[in-house]
Every structure is written in structure tokens, then in C-alpha cells.
N, C-alpha and C. Protein backbone atom coordinates (compact mmCIF):
# COMPACT_ATOMS: atom_id res chain seq x y z
N UNK A 1 35.77 18.17 -30.75
CA UNK A 1 34.77 18.53 -29.75
C UNK A 1 33.97 17.27 -29.39
N UNK A 2 33.83 17.01 -28.10
CA UNK A 2 33.09 15.82 -27.66
C UNK A 2 31.60 16.06 -27.81
N UNK A 3 30.84 14.95 -27.81
CA UNK A 3 29.39 15.05 -27.91
C UNK A 3 28.82 15.88 -26.78
N UNK A 4 29.41 15.77 -25.58
CA UNK A 4 28.91 16.51 -24.43
C UNK A 4 29.14 18.01 -24.57
N UNK A 5 30.10 18.42 -25.42
CA UNK A 5 30.40 19.83 -25.56
C UNK A 5 29.60 20.47 -26.70
N UNK A 6 28.94 19.67 -27.51
CA UNK A 6 28.20 20.20 -28.65
C UNK A 6 26.87 20.78 -28.20
N UNK A 7 26.43 21.81 -28.91
CA UNK A 7 25.11 22.36 -28.67
C UNK A 7 24.13 21.62 -29.57
N UNK A 8 23.01 21.19 -29.02
CA UNK A 8 22.05 20.40 -29.76
C UNK A 8 21.04 21.31 -30.44
N UNK A 9 20.76 21.04 -31.70
CA UNK A 9 19.72 21.75 -32.43
C UNK A 9 18.43 20.99 -32.21
N UNK A 10 17.55 21.52 -31.38
CA UNK A 10 16.34 20.79 -30.99
C UNK A 10 15.37 20.62 -32.15
N UNK A 11 15.39 21.52 -33.13
CA UNK A 11 14.48 21.35 -34.26
C UNK A 11 14.88 20.13 -35.08
N UNK A 12 16.15 19.81 -35.17
CA UNK A 12 16.62 18.61 -35.87
C UNK A 12 16.19 17.36 -35.10
N UNK A 13 16.28 17.40 -33.79
CA UNK A 13 15.92 16.24 -32.98
C UNK A 13 14.46 15.87 -33.13
N UNK A 14 13.62 16.84 -33.30
CA UNK A 14 12.19 16.59 -33.36
C UNK A 14 11.82 15.69 -34.55
N UNK A 15 12.63 15.70 -35.61
CA UNK A 15 12.29 14.91 -36.79
C UNK A 15 13.22 13.72 -36.99
N UNK A 16 14.19 13.53 -36.10
CA UNK A 16 15.11 12.42 -36.25
C UNK A 16 15.16 11.61 -34.95
N UNK A 17 14.22 10.68 -34.77
CA UNK A 17 14.14 9.92 -33.52
C UNK A 17 15.41 9.15 -33.19
N UNK A 18 16.16 8.69 -34.21
CA UNK A 18 17.38 7.95 -33.92
C UNK A 18 18.41 8.82 -33.22
N UNK A 19 18.40 10.13 -33.52
CA UNK A 19 19.31 11.05 -32.82
C UNK A 19 18.86 11.22 -31.37
N UNK A 20 17.55 11.32 -31.17
CA UNK A 20 17.03 11.45 -29.80
C UNK A 20 17.43 10.23 -28.99
N UNK A 21 17.29 9.04 -29.56
CA UNK A 21 17.66 7.82 -28.84
C UNK A 21 19.15 7.80 -28.53
N UNK A 22 19.96 8.19 -29.49
CA UNK A 22 21.41 8.24 -29.27
C UNK A 22 21.75 9.24 -28.17
N UNK A 23 21.12 10.41 -28.21
CA UNK A 23 21.37 11.41 -27.17
C UNK A 23 20.90 10.92 -25.81
N UNK A 24 19.79 10.21 -25.80
CA UNK A 24 19.27 9.68 -24.56
C UNK A 24 20.30 8.75 -23.92
N UNK A 25 20.87 7.84 -24.71
CA UNK A 25 21.86 6.91 -24.17
C UNK A 25 23.12 7.64 -23.73
N UNK A 26 23.57 8.63 -24.52
CA UNK A 26 24.74 9.40 -24.13
C UNK A 26 24.47 10.24 -22.89
N UNK A 27 23.25 10.79 -22.79
CA UNK A 27 22.89 11.59 -21.63
C UNK A 27 22.90 10.72 -20.38
N UNK A 28 22.37 9.51 -20.49
CA UNK A 28 22.40 8.60 -19.34
C UNK A 28 23.83 8.27 -18.94
N UNK A 29 24.69 8.06 -19.92
CA UNK A 29 26.09 7.76 -19.62
C UNK A 29 26.76 8.94 -18.93
N UNK A 30 26.47 10.13 -19.39
CA UNK A 30 27.05 11.32 -18.77
C UNK A 30 26.53 11.48 -17.35
N UNK A 31 25.23 11.27 -17.17
CA UNK A 31 24.66 11.38 -15.82
C UNK A 31 25.30 10.35 -14.90
N UNK A 32 25.52 9.14 -15.42
CA UNK A 32 26.12 8.09 -14.62
C UNK A 32 27.53 8.48 -14.19
N UNK A 33 28.21 9.20 -15.05
CA UNK A 33 29.58 9.61 -14.74
C UNK A 33 29.64 10.88 -13.92
N UNK A 34 28.50 11.39 -13.47
CA UNK A 34 28.50 12.46 -12.49
C UNK A 34 28.28 13.87 -13.02
N UNK A 35 27.96 14.04 -14.28
CA UNK A 35 27.70 15.37 -14.80
C UNK A 35 26.26 15.75 -14.54
N UNK A 36 25.97 17.03 -14.51
CA UNK A 36 24.61 17.51 -14.30
C UNK A 36 23.77 17.22 -15.53
N UNK A 37 22.65 16.57 -15.34
CA UNK A 37 21.79 16.14 -16.44
C UNK A 37 21.43 17.29 -17.38
N UNK A 38 21.02 18.42 -16.84
CA UNK A 38 20.52 19.50 -17.69
C UNK A 38 21.59 20.18 -18.51
N UNK A 39 22.83 20.21 -18.04
CA UNK A 39 23.86 20.94 -18.77
C UNK A 39 24.65 20.06 -19.72
N UNK A 40 24.36 18.78 -19.76
CA UNK A 40 25.17 17.86 -20.55
C UNK A 40 25.27 18.27 -22.01
N UNK A 41 24.18 18.73 -22.58
CA UNK A 41 24.18 19.11 -24.00
C UNK A 41 23.78 20.57 -24.18
N UNK A 42 24.03 21.37 -23.19
CA UNK A 42 23.65 22.79 -23.21
C UNK A 42 22.14 22.96 -23.36
N UNK A 43 21.38 22.01 -22.83
CA UNK A 43 19.93 22.08 -22.84
C UNK A 43 19.44 22.23 -21.41
N UNK A 44 18.40 23.02 -21.20
CA UNK A 44 17.80 23.03 -19.86
C UNK A 44 17.28 21.63 -19.54
N UNK A 45 17.30 21.27 -18.27
CA UNK A 45 16.91 19.92 -17.87
C UNK A 45 15.51 19.56 -18.37
N UNK A 46 14.53 20.45 -18.21
CA UNK A 46 13.17 20.14 -18.64
C UNK A 46 13.10 19.89 -20.13
N UNK A 47 13.84 20.66 -20.92
CA UNK A 47 13.84 20.48 -22.36
C UNK A 47 14.51 19.16 -22.74
N UNK A 48 15.60 18.82 -22.07
CA UNK A 48 16.29 17.56 -22.36
C UNK A 48 15.38 16.38 -22.06
N UNK A 49 14.67 16.43 -20.96
CA UNK A 49 13.78 15.34 -20.58
C UNK A 49 12.58 15.29 -21.53
N UNK A 50 12.05 16.45 -21.92
CA UNK A 50 10.91 16.50 -22.82
C UNK A 50 11.22 15.81 -24.14
N UNK A 51 12.45 15.94 -24.63
CA UNK A 51 12.84 15.31 -25.88
C UNK A 51 12.78 13.80 -25.81
N UNK A 52 12.84 13.25 -24.60
CA UNK A 52 12.90 11.80 -24.44
C UNK A 52 11.55 11.18 -24.13
N UNK A 53 10.50 11.95 -24.03
CA UNK A 53 9.21 11.39 -23.64
C UNK A 53 8.33 11.16 -24.86
N UNK A 54 7.33 10.29 -24.69
CA UNK A 54 6.36 10.02 -25.74
C UNK A 54 4.98 10.05 -25.10
N UNK A 55 3.96 9.86 -25.93
CA UNK A 55 2.60 9.87 -25.41
C UNK A 55 2.16 8.52 -24.88
N UNK A 56 2.91 7.47 -25.16
CA UNK A 56 2.49 6.15 -24.71
C UNK A 56 2.79 5.98 -23.22
N UNK A 57 2.09 5.01 -22.60
CA UNK A 57 2.30 4.80 -21.18
C UNK A 57 3.11 3.55 -20.88
N UNK A 58 3.40 2.74 -21.90
CA UNK A 58 4.14 1.49 -21.66
C UNK A 58 4.69 0.97 -22.98
N UNK A 59 5.39 -0.14 -22.90
CA UNK A 59 5.95 -0.76 -24.10
C UNK A 59 4.95 -1.64 -24.82
N UNK A 60 3.79 -1.86 -24.20
CA UNK A 60 2.70 -2.63 -24.80
C UNK A 60 1.44 -1.79 -24.76
N UNK A 61 0.46 -2.19 -25.55
CA UNK A 61 -0.82 -1.48 -25.58
C UNK A 61 -1.65 -1.88 -24.35
N UNK A 62 -1.95 -0.92 -23.46
CA UNK A 62 -2.74 -1.27 -22.27
C UNK A 62 -4.15 -1.72 -22.64
N UNK A 63 -4.73 -2.51 -21.76
CA UNK A 63 -6.10 -2.99 -21.97
C UNK A 63 -7.05 -2.04 -21.26
N UNK A 64 -7.75 -1.24 -22.03
CA UNK A 64 -8.72 -0.30 -21.46
C UNK A 64 -9.96 -1.06 -21.01
N UNK A 65 -10.70 -0.48 -20.10
CA UNK A 65 -11.87 -1.16 -19.53
C UNK A 65 -12.87 -1.57 -20.59
N UNK A 66 -13.11 -0.72 -21.57
CA UNK A 66 -14.13 -1.02 -22.58
C UNK A 66 -13.69 -2.12 -23.56
N UNK A 67 -12.41 -2.49 -23.53
CA UNK A 67 -11.90 -3.54 -24.42
C UNK A 67 -11.51 -4.80 -23.65
N UNK A 68 -11.78 -4.83 -22.36
CA UNK A 68 -11.35 -5.94 -21.51
C UNK A 68 -12.20 -7.18 -21.73
N UNK A 69 -11.54 -8.33 -21.68
CA UNK A 69 -12.23 -9.62 -21.73
C UNK A 69 -12.99 -9.81 -20.42
N UNK A 70 -13.87 -10.79 -20.36
CA UNK A 70 -14.59 -11.02 -19.10
C UNK A 70 -13.65 -11.29 -17.91
N UNK A 71 -12.57 -12.04 -18.10
CA UNK A 71 -11.63 -12.30 -16.99
C UNK A 71 -10.95 -11.02 -16.54
N UNK A 72 -10.51 -10.21 -17.49
CA UNK A 72 -9.86 -8.95 -17.14
C UNK A 72 -10.86 -8.02 -16.47
N UNK A 73 -12.08 -7.95 -16.99
CA UNK A 73 -13.11 -7.10 -16.40
C UNK A 73 -13.40 -7.49 -14.95
N UNK A 74 -13.40 -8.80 -14.68
CA UNK A 74 -13.65 -9.25 -13.31
C UNK A 74 -12.56 -8.75 -12.37
N UNK A 75 -11.30 -8.80 -12.80
CA UNK A 75 -10.21 -8.30 -11.97
C UNK A 75 -10.32 -6.79 -11.82
N UNK A 76 -10.61 -6.09 -12.91
CA UNK A 76 -10.76 -4.64 -12.86
C UNK A 76 -11.84 -4.24 -11.86
N UNK A 77 -12.98 -4.94 -11.90
CA UNK A 77 -14.07 -4.64 -10.96
C UNK A 77 -13.62 -4.87 -9.52
N UNK A 78 -12.86 -5.94 -9.29
CA UNK A 78 -12.37 -6.24 -7.95
C UNK A 78 -11.37 -5.18 -7.48
N UNK A 79 -10.50 -4.73 -8.38
CA UNK A 79 -9.54 -3.68 -8.04
C UNK A 79 -10.27 -2.42 -7.60
N UNK A 80 -11.25 -2.01 -8.38
CA UNK A 80 -11.99 -0.77 -8.05
C UNK A 80 -12.74 -0.92 -6.73
N UNK A 81 -13.36 -2.06 -6.52
CA UNK A 81 -14.11 -2.27 -5.27
C UNK A 81 -13.17 -2.34 -4.07
N UNK A 82 -12.08 -3.08 -4.20
CA UNK A 82 -11.15 -3.27 -3.09
C UNK A 82 -10.46 -1.97 -2.72
N UNK A 83 -10.02 -1.23 -3.73
CA UNK A 83 -9.28 0.01 -3.49
C UNK A 83 -10.20 1.23 -3.35
N UNK A 84 -11.50 1.01 -3.55
CA UNK A 84 -12.49 2.10 -3.47
C UNK A 84 -12.11 3.26 -4.41
N UNK A 85 -11.86 2.91 -5.67
CA UNK A 85 -11.52 3.89 -6.69
C UNK A 85 -12.47 3.73 -7.87
N UNK A 86 -12.52 4.74 -8.73
CA UNK A 86 -13.43 4.68 -9.87
C UNK A 86 -12.71 4.60 -11.21
N UNK A 87 -11.44 4.21 -11.19
CA UNK A 87 -10.66 4.06 -12.42
C UNK A 87 -9.69 2.89 -12.24
N UNK A 88 -9.14 2.45 -13.35
CA UNK A 88 -8.12 1.39 -13.29
C UNK A 88 -6.76 2.05 -13.50
N UNK A 89 -5.87 1.94 -12.52
CA UNK A 89 -4.53 2.51 -12.67
C UNK A 89 -3.77 1.87 -13.84
N UNK A 90 -2.89 2.65 -14.43
CA UNK A 90 -2.13 2.21 -15.60
C UNK A 90 -1.41 0.89 -15.39
N UNK A 91 -0.84 0.68 -14.20
CA UNK A 91 -0.12 -0.57 -13.94
C UNK A 91 -0.98 -1.78 -14.28
N UNK A 92 -2.22 -1.77 -13.81
CA UNK A 92 -3.10 -2.92 -14.01
C UNK A 92 -3.52 -3.03 -15.46
N UNK A 93 -3.75 -1.90 -16.13
CA UNK A 93 -4.12 -1.94 -17.55
C UNK A 93 -2.98 -2.50 -18.40
N UNK A 94 -1.76 -2.24 -18.00
CA UNK A 94 -0.62 -2.73 -18.78
C UNK A 94 -0.38 -4.22 -18.54
N UNK A 95 -0.37 -4.66 -17.29
CA UNK A 95 -0.11 -6.09 -17.08
C UNK A 95 -1.30 -6.95 -17.49
N UNK A 96 -2.44 -6.33 -17.78
CA UNK A 96 -3.62 -7.07 -18.24
C UNK A 96 -3.41 -7.67 -19.63
N UNK A 97 -2.33 -7.30 -20.32
CA UNK A 97 -2.05 -7.94 -21.61
C UNK A 97 -1.85 -9.44 -21.43
N UNK A 98 -1.53 -9.85 -20.21
CA UNK A 98 -1.43 -11.27 -19.88
C UNK A 98 -2.37 -11.50 -18.70
N UNK A 99 -3.54 -12.01 -18.98
CA UNK A 99 -4.58 -12.12 -17.94
C UNK A 99 -4.13 -13.01 -16.79
N UNK A 100 -3.33 -14.04 -17.06
CA UNK A 100 -2.85 -14.89 -15.98
C UNK A 100 -1.96 -14.09 -15.03
N UNK A 101 -1.09 -13.25 -15.59
CA UNK A 101 -0.24 -12.39 -14.78
C UNK A 101 -1.08 -11.41 -13.97
N UNK A 102 -2.06 -10.80 -14.61
CA UNK A 102 -2.95 -9.86 -13.93
C UNK A 102 -3.61 -10.52 -12.73
N UNK A 103 -4.20 -11.69 -12.93
CA UNK A 103 -4.88 -12.39 -11.83
C UNK A 103 -3.90 -12.77 -10.72
N UNK A 104 -2.72 -13.23 -11.09
CA UNK A 104 -1.73 -13.67 -10.09
C UNK A 104 -1.23 -12.49 -9.27
N UNK A 105 -0.83 -11.40 -9.93
CA UNK A 105 -0.29 -10.24 -9.21
C UNK A 105 -1.38 -9.58 -8.37
N UNK A 106 -2.57 -9.43 -8.93
CA UNK A 106 -3.66 -8.83 -8.15
C UNK A 106 -4.00 -9.70 -6.95
N UNK A 107 -4.04 -11.02 -7.12
CA UNK A 107 -4.34 -11.91 -6.01
C UNK A 107 -3.33 -11.77 -4.88
N UNK A 108 -2.04 -11.71 -5.23
CA UNK A 108 -1.01 -11.53 -4.21
C UNK A 108 -1.13 -10.17 -3.54
N UNK A 109 -1.30 -9.12 -4.35
CA UNK A 109 -1.38 -7.78 -3.77
C UNK A 109 -2.60 -7.66 -2.86
N UNK A 110 -3.72 -8.17 -3.32
CA UNK A 110 -4.95 -8.10 -2.51
C UNK A 110 -4.76 -8.83 -1.19
N UNK A 111 -4.15 -10.00 -1.23
CA UNK A 111 -3.94 -10.80 -0.02
C UNK A 111 -3.02 -10.10 0.98
N UNK A 112 -1.94 -9.48 0.48
CA UNK A 112 -0.96 -8.87 1.38
C UNK A 112 -1.27 -7.42 1.74
N UNK A 113 -1.80 -6.67 0.80
CA UNK A 113 -2.03 -5.24 1.06
C UNK A 113 -3.46 -4.94 1.52
N UNK A 114 -4.38 -5.83 1.25
CA UNK A 114 -5.78 -5.66 1.67
C UNK A 114 -6.27 -6.97 2.31
N UNK A 115 -5.60 -7.42 3.37
CA UNK A 115 -5.88 -8.75 3.93
C UNK A 115 -7.30 -8.93 4.43
N UNK A 116 -7.90 -7.86 4.90
CA UNK A 116 -9.26 -7.95 5.44
C UNK A 116 -10.26 -8.38 4.37
N UNK A 117 -9.96 -8.11 3.09
CA UNK A 117 -10.89 -8.47 2.01
C UNK A 117 -10.85 -9.96 1.69
N UNK A 118 -9.85 -10.66 2.19
CA UNK A 118 -9.77 -12.11 1.95
C UNK A 118 -9.86 -12.89 3.25
N UNK A 119 -10.30 -12.21 4.32
CA UNK A 119 -10.49 -12.87 5.60
C UNK A 119 -9.21 -13.14 6.36
N UNK A 120 -8.17 -12.40 6.07
CA UNK A 120 -6.89 -12.59 6.75
C UNK A 120 -6.65 -11.41 7.68
N UNK A 121 -6.06 -11.67 8.83
CA UNK A 121 -5.69 -10.62 9.76
C UNK A 121 -4.20 -10.34 9.63
N UNK A 122 -3.86 -9.08 9.39
CA UNK A 122 -2.45 -8.72 9.24
C UNK A 122 -1.88 -8.27 10.58
N UNK A 123 -0.61 -8.48 10.76
CA UNK A 123 0.09 -7.99 11.94
C UNK A 123 0.61 -6.57 11.72
N UNK A 124 0.42 -6.06 10.50
CA UNK A 124 0.88 -4.71 10.14
C UNK A 124 -0.32 -3.82 9.84
N UNK A 125 -0.22 -2.57 10.20
CA UNK A 125 -1.27 -1.62 9.85
C UNK A 125 -1.21 -1.32 8.35
N UNK A 126 -2.30 -0.83 7.77
CA UNK A 126 -2.25 -0.45 6.35
C UNK A 126 -1.14 0.57 6.06
N UNK A 127 -0.93 1.53 6.96
CA UNK A 127 0.11 2.55 6.74
C UNK A 127 1.50 1.92 6.74
N UNK A 128 1.75 0.97 7.64
CA UNK A 128 3.07 0.32 7.67
C UNK A 128 3.28 -0.49 6.40
N UNK A 129 2.23 -1.19 5.93
CA UNK A 129 2.36 -1.94 4.67
C UNK A 129 2.71 -0.99 3.52
N UNK A 130 2.07 0.18 3.49
CA UNK A 130 2.36 1.14 2.42
C UNK A 130 3.76 1.75 2.58
N UNK A 131 4.21 1.94 3.83
CA UNK A 131 5.57 2.44 4.04
C UNK A 131 6.59 1.46 3.49
N UNK A 132 6.35 0.18 3.70
CA UNK A 132 7.24 -0.85 3.15
C UNK A 132 7.22 -0.77 1.62
N UNK A 133 6.03 -0.62 1.05
CA UNK A 133 5.91 -0.53 -0.41
C UNK A 133 6.69 0.67 -0.95
N UNK A 134 6.60 1.81 -0.27
CA UNK A 134 7.33 3.01 -0.71
C UNK A 134 8.83 2.78 -0.60
N UNK A 135 9.29 2.22 0.51
CA UNK A 135 10.73 2.00 0.71
C UNK A 135 11.29 1.04 -0.34
N UNK A 136 10.59 -0.06 -0.59
CA UNK A 136 11.07 -1.03 -1.57
C UNK A 136 11.01 -0.43 -2.97
N UNK A 137 9.95 0.30 -3.27
CA UNK A 137 9.82 0.92 -4.59
C UNK A 137 10.92 1.94 -4.84
N UNK A 138 11.27 2.71 -3.82
CA UNK A 138 12.37 3.67 -3.95
C UNK A 138 13.68 2.94 -4.17
N UNK A 139 13.90 1.87 -3.42
CA UNK A 139 15.11 1.08 -3.56
C UNK A 139 15.22 0.48 -4.96
N UNK A 140 14.10 0.03 -5.49
CA UNK A 140 14.10 -0.58 -6.82
C UNK A 140 14.05 0.45 -7.95
N UNK A 141 13.90 1.72 -7.60
CA UNK A 141 13.88 2.76 -8.62
C UNK A 141 12.60 2.81 -9.43
N UNK A 142 11.48 2.43 -8.84
CA UNK A 142 10.20 2.42 -9.56
C UNK A 142 9.41 3.68 -9.22
N UNK A 143 9.52 4.70 -10.05
CA UNK A 143 8.83 5.96 -9.77
C UNK A 143 7.32 5.79 -9.79
N UNK A 144 6.81 4.90 -10.65
CA UNK A 144 5.37 4.66 -10.69
C UNK A 144 4.88 4.20 -9.32
N UNK A 145 5.56 3.22 -8.75
CA UNK A 145 5.14 2.66 -7.46
C UNK A 145 5.40 3.63 -6.31
N UNK A 146 6.51 4.37 -6.36
CA UNK A 146 6.77 5.37 -5.32
C UNK A 146 5.62 6.38 -5.29
N UNK A 147 5.23 6.88 -6.44
CA UNK A 147 4.15 7.86 -6.50
C UNK A 147 2.82 7.27 -6.05
N UNK A 148 2.51 6.09 -6.53
CA UNK A 148 1.24 5.44 -6.19
C UNK A 148 1.13 5.18 -4.68
N UNK A 149 2.16 4.59 -4.11
CA UNK A 149 2.09 4.24 -2.69
C UNK A 149 2.27 5.45 -1.78
N UNK A 150 2.97 6.47 -2.23
CA UNK A 150 3.04 7.72 -1.45
C UNK A 150 1.67 8.37 -1.41
N UNK A 151 0.96 8.35 -2.52
CA UNK A 151 -0.40 8.90 -2.55
C UNK A 151 -1.30 8.16 -1.56
N UNK A 152 -1.16 6.84 -1.50
CA UNK A 152 -1.97 6.05 -0.56
C UNK A 152 -1.57 6.37 0.87
N UNK A 153 -0.26 6.51 1.12
CA UNK A 153 0.19 6.89 2.47
C UNK A 153 -0.45 8.19 2.91
N UNK A 154 -0.50 9.16 2.00
CA UNK A 154 -1.10 10.45 2.34
C UNK A 154 -2.60 10.31 2.62
N UNK A 155 -3.27 9.39 1.92
CA UNK A 155 -4.69 9.12 2.21
C UNK A 155 -4.86 8.55 3.61
N UNK A 156 -3.83 7.82 4.08
CA UNK A 156 -3.84 7.27 5.45
C UNK A 156 -3.44 8.33 6.48
N UNK A 157 -3.18 9.55 6.03
CA UNK A 157 -2.84 10.63 6.96
C UNK A 157 -1.37 10.71 7.33
N UNK A 158 -0.52 9.97 6.64
CA UNK A 158 0.91 10.01 6.94
C UNK A 158 1.48 11.32 6.40
N UNK A 159 2.19 12.04 7.25
CA UNK A 159 2.73 13.34 6.91
C UNK A 159 4.03 13.22 6.11
N UNK A 160 4.38 14.29 5.40
CA UNK A 160 5.59 14.32 4.59
C UNK A 160 6.84 13.98 5.41
N UNK A 161 6.90 14.46 6.65
CA UNK A 161 8.07 14.21 7.49
C UNK A 161 8.25 12.71 7.74
N UNK A 162 7.15 12.01 7.93
CA UNK A 162 7.22 10.56 8.16
C UNK A 162 7.64 9.84 6.88
N UNK A 163 7.14 10.29 5.74
CA UNK A 163 7.53 9.70 4.46
C UNK A 163 9.03 9.93 4.24
N UNK A 164 9.50 11.13 4.58
CA UNK A 164 10.93 11.42 4.48
C UNK A 164 11.75 10.51 5.38
N UNK A 165 11.22 10.21 6.56
CA UNK A 165 11.93 9.31 7.47
C UNK A 165 11.99 7.89 6.91
N UNK A 166 10.89 7.43 6.33
CA UNK A 166 10.86 6.11 5.70
C UNK A 166 11.92 6.02 4.61
N UNK A 167 11.99 7.06 3.77
CA UNK A 167 12.96 7.05 2.67
C UNK A 167 14.40 7.18 3.19
N UNK A 168 14.58 7.93 4.26
CA UNK A 168 15.91 8.06 4.85
C UNK A 168 16.39 6.71 5.39
N UNK A 169 15.50 5.99 6.06
CA UNK A 169 15.86 4.67 6.60
C UNK A 169 16.14 3.70 5.45
N UNK A 170 15.30 3.73 4.40
CA UNK A 170 15.54 2.86 3.24
C UNK A 170 16.89 3.17 2.62
N UNK A 171 17.19 4.46 2.45
CA UNK A 171 18.48 4.86 1.88
C UNK A 171 19.65 4.44 2.74
N UNK A 172 19.50 4.61 4.05
CA UNK A 172 20.56 4.21 4.98
C UNK A 172 20.86 2.72 4.86
N UNK A 173 19.80 1.91 4.84
CA UNK A 173 20.03 0.47 4.79
C UNK A 173 20.44 -0.01 3.41
N UNK A 174 20.11 0.72 2.35
CA UNK A 174 20.69 0.40 1.05
C UNK A 174 22.21 0.57 1.12
N UNK A 175 22.65 1.64 1.79
CA UNK A 175 24.08 1.88 1.93
C UNK A 175 24.74 0.83 2.83
N UNK A 176 24.19 0.61 4.03
CA UNK A 176 24.83 -0.33 4.95
C UNK A 176 24.79 -1.76 4.41
N UNK A 177 23.72 -2.13 3.71
CA UNK A 177 23.65 -3.47 3.10
C UNK A 177 24.72 -3.62 2.03
N UNK A 178 24.90 -2.59 1.21
CA UNK A 178 25.94 -2.64 0.18
C UNK A 178 27.33 -2.76 0.80
N UNK A 179 27.55 -2.03 1.89
CA UNK A 179 28.84 -2.10 2.56
C UNK A 179 29.07 -3.49 3.16
N UNK A 180 28.06 -4.02 3.85
CA UNK A 180 28.20 -5.34 4.46
C UNK A 180 28.42 -6.41 3.40
N UNK A 181 27.70 -6.28 2.27
CA UNK A 181 27.87 -7.24 1.19
C UNK A 181 29.23 -7.07 0.51
N UNK A 182 29.62 -5.83 0.27
CA UNK A 182 30.91 -5.57 -0.38
C UNK A 182 32.09 -6.07 0.44
N UNK A 183 32.02 -5.87 1.76
CA UNK A 183 33.08 -6.35 2.65
C UNK A 183 32.91 -7.82 3.03
N UNK A 184 31.77 -8.42 2.61
CA UNK A 184 31.47 -9.82 2.93
C UNK A 184 31.59 -10.08 4.42
N UNK A 185 30.93 -9.24 5.22
CA UNK A 185 31.00 -9.33 6.67
C UNK A 185 30.19 -10.53 7.15
N UNK A 186 30.80 -11.34 7.99
CA UNK A 186 30.14 -12.53 8.54
C UNK A 186 29.15 -12.11 9.62
N UNK A 187 27.93 -12.66 9.56
CA UNK A 187 26.91 -12.32 10.55
C UNK A 187 27.33 -12.77 11.93
N UNK A 188 27.09 -11.89 12.93
CA UNK A 188 27.41 -12.25 14.31
C UNK A 188 26.23 -11.99 15.25
N UNK A 189 25.12 -11.53 14.69
CA UNK A 189 23.89 -11.35 15.46
C UNK A 189 22.79 -12.07 14.69
N UNK A 190 22.11 -13.00 15.37
CA UNK A 190 21.07 -13.78 14.73
C UNK A 190 19.76 -13.65 15.51
N UNK A 191 18.63 -13.70 14.83
CA UNK A 191 17.34 -13.64 15.53
C UNK A 191 17.10 -14.91 16.33
N UNK A 192 16.40 -14.76 17.44
CA UNK A 192 16.05 -15.93 18.26
C UNK A 192 15.00 -16.75 17.51
N UNK A 193 15.00 -18.02 17.73
CA UNK A 193 14.08 -18.94 17.03
C UNK A 193 12.93 -19.41 17.91
N UNK A 194 12.72 -18.79 19.06
CA UNK A 194 11.65 -19.27 19.95
C UNK A 194 10.33 -18.63 19.67
């Protein structure tokens, strides 16, 4: 009997993390090969996914506001002021383990996504910038960023249908780009340089 055909005893999994990790890798392999995630081990999908989750939010200990160094606190304050929020999102708390990285990434994001705060005029509207962020995040498989930037899009009043269109276009061009790259098609249309 193959591993995929066995019924899993969930009470055993709860006390043997190495089995959960092994099942997680096998489950991913089965999903990759086209089987339905939830039925792979005769477990409902929600139960199978629940077995793989933990209470932590990252692979490192995030830097909470009350434990932040003065440099980290300065960035945190700027994030809250710039984004007009009253909390620090998990992404920033996690990358704050390296304050240089935090400052660099926040500086780039602030410059490109909130240009008015640094005296720069953008040629793109805030909603278009967020649409690009959602499309790239979906392409890269980053659920954290997809959720974060979709929430911001909705704050800008972008409707679900428009978000669906953004994702459809991103998906289409992921496909056509893969085809063009796979076939190694030579470019025959170039942008004008004037």
C-alpha cells in the first residue's frame, strides 16, 4: 500500500512532528503531481492543512514594537505615519531582525509606493501601483503580499471584478511569457526610443 493510500491517524501526528513534516513533503509532492490536496491521505483539506501550521509567524523571532531599537522604532513610526495605520504589519516586524535590511526595503517601498511623502511625483496612480504589486505578488506566489496589497486596493475603492481582471492579465502573461521563453521566440516588435 502506498503512502497516499494509507489512512492517517491524526492523534499520532499530533505528538510526532517528524511524521507531520514527512507527510507535508509527501503531500506537496502529491499535489505537484496533480492529486487533490484534501484526499491525498484520506483527510479533509482543512484538517490536512491544520496539521501543517504552527503558532509562529516566521522562521525568525519578529521584533515587536516594545522591543525595538531606536533605529527600528524610527522606521516603525515612519511606516505607521506614511501608511496611516496604528500597527506594524508582520512583514516589517520580521525583516526588522536586520535593521539595515528594514531601512533599505522601507526606503525603496516608501519612494516607489508613496512617492508624495518623499517629494517625488509618480506617473502612476496609487491604485495602479497596488495593482502591479498584486500581480507581481501573485506571480511570485506570495500570499502575504497578495492579501496585503489586495486589502489596500479595496481601500482605494477597486472592485473585486477589477482585481480579478488584474489577476487574469497577470496569469495570461505568465503563460505567454513561459511559452515565448520555452520556444525561444526572437523579438520582432521593439519599443520606440524617442
